[in-house]
Amino acid sequence: MANHHNGRGELVAREGDRIVISGHRVGEPERRGLILGTHPGGVPPFTIQWDDEEGERLFFPGSDAHVESHHDPDH
């Protein structure tokens, strides 16, 4: 799992990447969503379509979030 950050420590992503939020308790499942949009430079907030709900949401990721990039050659 690669976490993508810029020089200011902000999580960065591209449209089409996936965001994953780790479960906060033992046995709690991850939450996943498709990144539909970002601010310039790929920084948050991200526009997300969560796998478990309808509609788009604006999302500011915390330290429990990571990006699965489908643009990386190793993914």
N, C-alpha and C. Protein backbone atom coordinates (compact mmCIF):
# COMPACT_ATOMS: atom_id res chain seq x y z
N MET A 1 0.85 -1.17 0.00
CA MET A 1 0.00 0.00 0.00
C MET A 1 0.89 1.23 0.00
N ALA A 2 0.78 2.03 -1.03
CA ALA A 2 1.56 3.26 -1.10
C ALA A 2 0.67 4.42 -0.71
N ASN A 3 1.16 5.27 0.16
CA ASN A 3 0.44 6.47 0.52
C ASN A 3 1.09 7.62 -0.23
N HIS A 4 0.32 8.37 -0.96
CA HIS A 4 0.82 9.42 -1.81
C HIS A 4 0.61 10.77 -1.14
N HIS A 5 1.71 11.46 -0.84
CA HIS A 5 1.65 12.77 -0.21
C HIS A 5 2.49 13.77 -1.00
N ASN A 6 2.11 15.04 -0.92
CA ASN A 6 2.92 16.07 -1.55
C ASN A 6 3.94 16.60 -0.53
N GLY A 7 4.67 17.63 -0.88
CA GLY A 7 5.71 18.19 -0.01
C GLY A 7 5.19 18.78 1.28
N ARG A 8 3.88 19.06 1.34
CA ARG A 8 3.28 19.61 2.58
C ARG A 8 2.62 18.52 3.41
N GLY A 9 2.79 17.27 3.02
CA GLY A 9 2.21 16.17 3.78
C GLY A 9 0.76 15.89 3.47
N GLU A 10 0.20 16.56 2.46
CA GLU A 10 -1.20 16.35 2.10
C GLU A 10 -1.33 15.09 1.24
N LEU A 11 -2.38 14.32 1.49
CA LEU A 11 -2.68 13.16 0.67
C LEU A 11 -3.06 13.65 -0.72
N VAL A 12 -2.49 13.04 -1.75
CA VAL A 12 -2.81 13.42 -3.13
C VAL A 12 -3.37 12.22 -3.89
N ALA A 13 -4.23 12.52 -4.85
CA ALA A 13 -4.88 11.47 -5.64
C ALA A 13 -5.25 12.03 -7.00
N ARG A 14 -5.70 11.12 -7.86
CA ARG A 14 -6.21 11.48 -9.18
C ARG A 14 -7.60 10.89 -9.34
N GLU A 15 -8.36 11.46 -10.26
CA GLU A 15 -9.65 10.87 -10.60
C GLU A 15 -9.43 9.42 -11.01
N GLY A 16 -10.28 8.54 -10.52
CA GLY A 16 -10.17 7.13 -10.83
C GLY A 16 -9.43 6.33 -9.78
N ASP A 17 -8.69 7.00 -8.88
CA ASP A 17 -8.07 6.30 -7.77
C ASP A 17 -9.15 5.88 -6.78
N ARG A 18 -8.77 5.01 -5.85
CA ARG A 18 -9.68 4.57 -4.81
C ARG A 18 -9.18 5.08 -3.47
N ILE A 19 -10.11 5.50 -2.62
CA ILE A 19 -9.77 5.90 -1.25
C ILE A 19 -10.23 4.78 -0.33
N VAL A 20 -9.41 4.47 0.66
CA VAL A 20 -9.72 3.40 1.61
C VAL A 20 -9.57 3.96 3.01
N ILE A 21 -10.59 3.76 3.83
CA ILE A 21 -10.57 4.18 5.23
C ILE A 21 -10.49 2.91 6.08
N SER A 22 -9.48 2.83 6.91
CA SER A 22 -9.31 1.66 7.78
C SER A 22 -10.43 1.60 8.82
N GLY A 23 -10.80 0.38 9.21
CA GLY A 23 -11.76 0.21 10.29
C GLY A 23 -11.18 0.77 11.59
N HIS A 24 -12.02 1.35 12.42
CA HIS A 24 -11.56 1.97 13.65
C HIS A 24 -11.57 1.04 14.85
N ARG A 25 -12.25 -0.09 14.71
CA ARG A 25 -12.31 -1.08 15.78
C ARG A 25 -11.99 -2.46 15.21
N VAL A 26 -11.57 -3.35 16.06
CA VAL A 26 -11.29 -4.72 15.63
C VAL A 26 -12.55 -5.30 15.00
N GLY A 27 -12.41 -5.86 13.82
CA GLY A 27 -13.53 -6.46 13.13
C GLY A 27 -14.35 -5.50 12.29
N GLU A 28 -14.10 -4.21 12.42
CA GLU A 28 -14.84 -3.24 11.62
C GLU A 28 -14.26 -3.21 10.20
N PRO A 29 -15.10 -3.29 9.18
CA PRO A 29 -14.59 -3.35 7.81
C PRO A 29 -14.03 -2.01 7.33
N GLU A 30 -13.21 -2.09 6.29
CA GLU A 30 -12.73 -0.88 5.63
C GLU A 30 -13.90 -0.24 4.89
N ARG A 31 -13.75 1.05 4.62
CA ARG A 31 -14.71 1.75 3.77
C ARG A 31 -13.96 2.17 2.52
N ARG A 32 -14.56 1.94 1.37
CA ARG A 32 -13.90 2.22 0.10
C ARG A 32 -14.78 3.11 -0.77
N GLY A 33 -14.11 3.92 -1.59
CA GLY A 33 -14.84 4.76 -2.52
C GLY A 33 -13.99 5.13 -3.72
N LEU A 34 -14.65 5.55 -4.76
CA LEU A 34 -14.01 5.98 -5.99
C LEU A 34 -13.84 7.50 -5.95
N ILE A 35 -12.63 7.97 -6.26
CA ILE A 35 -12.36 9.40 -6.29
C ILE A 35 -12.80 9.93 -7.65
N LEU A 36 -13.78 10.83 -7.62
CA LEU A 36 -14.33 11.41 -8.84
C LEU A 36 -13.70 12.76 -9.17
N GLY A 37 -13.13 13.42 -8.16
CA GLY A 37 -12.52 14.72 -8.39
C GLY A 37 -11.67 15.15 -7.21
N THR A 38 -10.75 16.06 -7.49
CA THR A 38 -9.86 16.61 -6.47
C THR A 38 -9.73 18.11 -6.69
N HIS A 39 -9.12 18.79 -5.76
CA HIS A 39 -8.74 20.18 -5.97
C HIS A 39 -7.47 20.19 -6.82
N PRO A 40 -7.08 21.34 -7.37
CA PRO A 40 -5.86 21.41 -8.19
C PRO A 40 -4.66 20.81 -7.44
N GLY A 41 -3.84 20.08 -8.15
CA GLY A 41 -2.69 19.41 -7.55
C GLY A 41 -3.03 18.08 -6.93
N GLY A 42 -4.30 17.67 -7.04
CA GLY A 42 -4.71 16.38 -6.51
C GLY A 42 -4.95 16.33 -5.02
N VAL A 43 -5.07 17.50 -4.39
CA VAL A 43 -5.24 17.54 -2.94
C VAL A 43 -6.71 17.59 -2.54
N PRO A 44 -7.01 17.26 -1.28
CA PRO A 44 -8.38 17.32 -0.77
C PRO A 44 -8.90 18.75 -0.74
N PRO A 45 -10.21 18.87 -0.64
CA PRO A 45 -11.16 17.78 -0.49
C PRO A 45 -11.35 17.02 -1.79
N PHE A 46 -11.72 15.74 -1.64
CA PHE A 46 -11.99 14.88 -2.78
C PHE A 46 -13.50 14.72 -2.94
N THR A 47 -13.94 14.60 -4.17
CA THR A 47 -15.32 14.21 -4.43
C THR A 47 -15.31 12.69 -4.56
N ILE A 48 -16.11 12.02 -3.71
CA ILE A 48 -16.08 10.57 -3.57
C ILE A 48 -17.45 9.97 -3.87
N GLN A 49 -17.44 8.83 -4.53
CA GLN A 49 -18.63 7.97 -4.63
C GLN A 49 -18.31 6.75 -3.77
N TRP A 50 -18.88 6.71 -2.56
CA TRP A 50 -18.63 5.59 -1.66
C TRP A 50 -19.29 4.34 -2.20
N ASP A 51 -18.63 3.18 -2.01
CA ASP A 51 -19.17 1.91 -2.47
C ASP A 51 -20.46 1.53 -1.75
N ASP A 52 -20.62 2.02 -0.51
CA ASP A 52 -21.76 1.60 0.32
C ASP A 52 -22.89 2.62 0.41
N GLU A 53 -22.87 3.65 -0.45
CA GLU A 53 -23.99 4.60 -0.45
C GLU A 53 -24.11 5.28 -1.81
N GLU A 54 -25.27 5.83 -2.06
CA GLU A 54 -25.52 6.50 -3.32
C GLU A 54 -25.13 7.97 -3.23
N GLY A 55 -24.88 8.56 -4.37
CA GLY A 55 -24.57 9.98 -4.43
C GLY A 55 -23.10 10.26 -4.22
N GLU A 56 -22.75 11.49 -4.52
CA GLU A 56 -21.37 11.96 -4.36
C GLU A 56 -21.24 12.73 -3.05
N ARG A 57 -20.06 12.65 -2.45
CA ARG A 57 -19.81 13.34 -1.19
C ARG A 57 -18.48 14.07 -1.29
N LEU A 58 -18.38 15.21 -0.63
CA LEU A 58 -17.12 15.92 -0.48
C LEU A 58 -16.44 15.33 0.75
N PHE A 59 -15.16 14.99 0.64
CA PHE A 59 -14.47 14.26 1.70
C PHE A 59 -13.10 14.85 1.98
N PHE A 60 -12.84 15.12 3.24
CA PHE A 60 -11.53 15.55 3.73
C PHE A 60 -10.91 14.37 4.47
N PRO A 61 -9.93 13.67 3.88
CA PRO A 61 -9.39 12.46 4.52
C PRO A 61 -8.59 12.75 5.78
N GLY A 62 -8.67 11.81 6.72
CA GLY A 62 -7.87 11.88 7.94
C GLY A 62 -6.69 10.92 7.83
N SER A 63 -6.03 10.73 8.94
CA SER A 63 -4.83 9.88 8.97
C SER A 63 -5.14 8.40 8.77
N ASP A 64 -6.42 8.04 8.85
CA ASP A 64 -6.82 6.65 8.66
C ASP A 64 -7.11 6.33 7.19
N ALA A 65 -6.87 7.28 6.29
CA ALA A 65 -7.17 7.10 4.87
C ALA A 65 -5.89 6.87 4.07
N HIS A 66 -6.02 6.06 3.03
CA HIS A 66 -4.94 5.94 2.06
C HIS A 66 -5.54 5.80 0.66
N VAL A 67 -4.71 6.06 -0.34
CA VAL A 67 -5.14 6.05 -1.73
C VAL A 67 -4.55 4.82 -2.40
N GLU A 68 -5.39 4.12 -3.14
CA GLU A 68 -4.94 3.05 -4.02
C GLU A 68 -4.96 3.63 -5.42
N SER A 69 -3.78 3.90 -5.96
CA SER A 69 -3.66 4.55 -7.25
C SER A 69 -3.59 3.50 -8.37
N HIS A 70 -4.45 3.66 -9.33
CA HIS A 70 -4.43 2.78 -10.49
C HIS A 70 -3.55 3.36 -11.59
N HIS A 71 -2.86 4.45 -11.26
CA HIS A 71 -1.94 5.08 -12.21
C HIS A 71 -0.51 4.65 -11.96
N ASP A 72 -0.27 3.97 -10.82
CA ASP A 72 1.07 3.49 -10.50
C ASP A 72 1.37 2.24 -11.32
N PRO A 73 2.59 2.11 -11.83
CA PRO A 73 2.93 0.92 -12.62
C PRO A 73 2.89 -0.38 -11.83
N ASP A 74 3.00 -0.30 -10.49
CA ASP A 74 2.99 -1.52 -9.67
C ASP A 74 1.60 -1.87 -9.17
N HIS A 75 0.55 -1.18 -9.63
CA HIS A 75 -0.83 -1.50 -9.23
C HIS A 75 -1.61 -1.94 -10.43
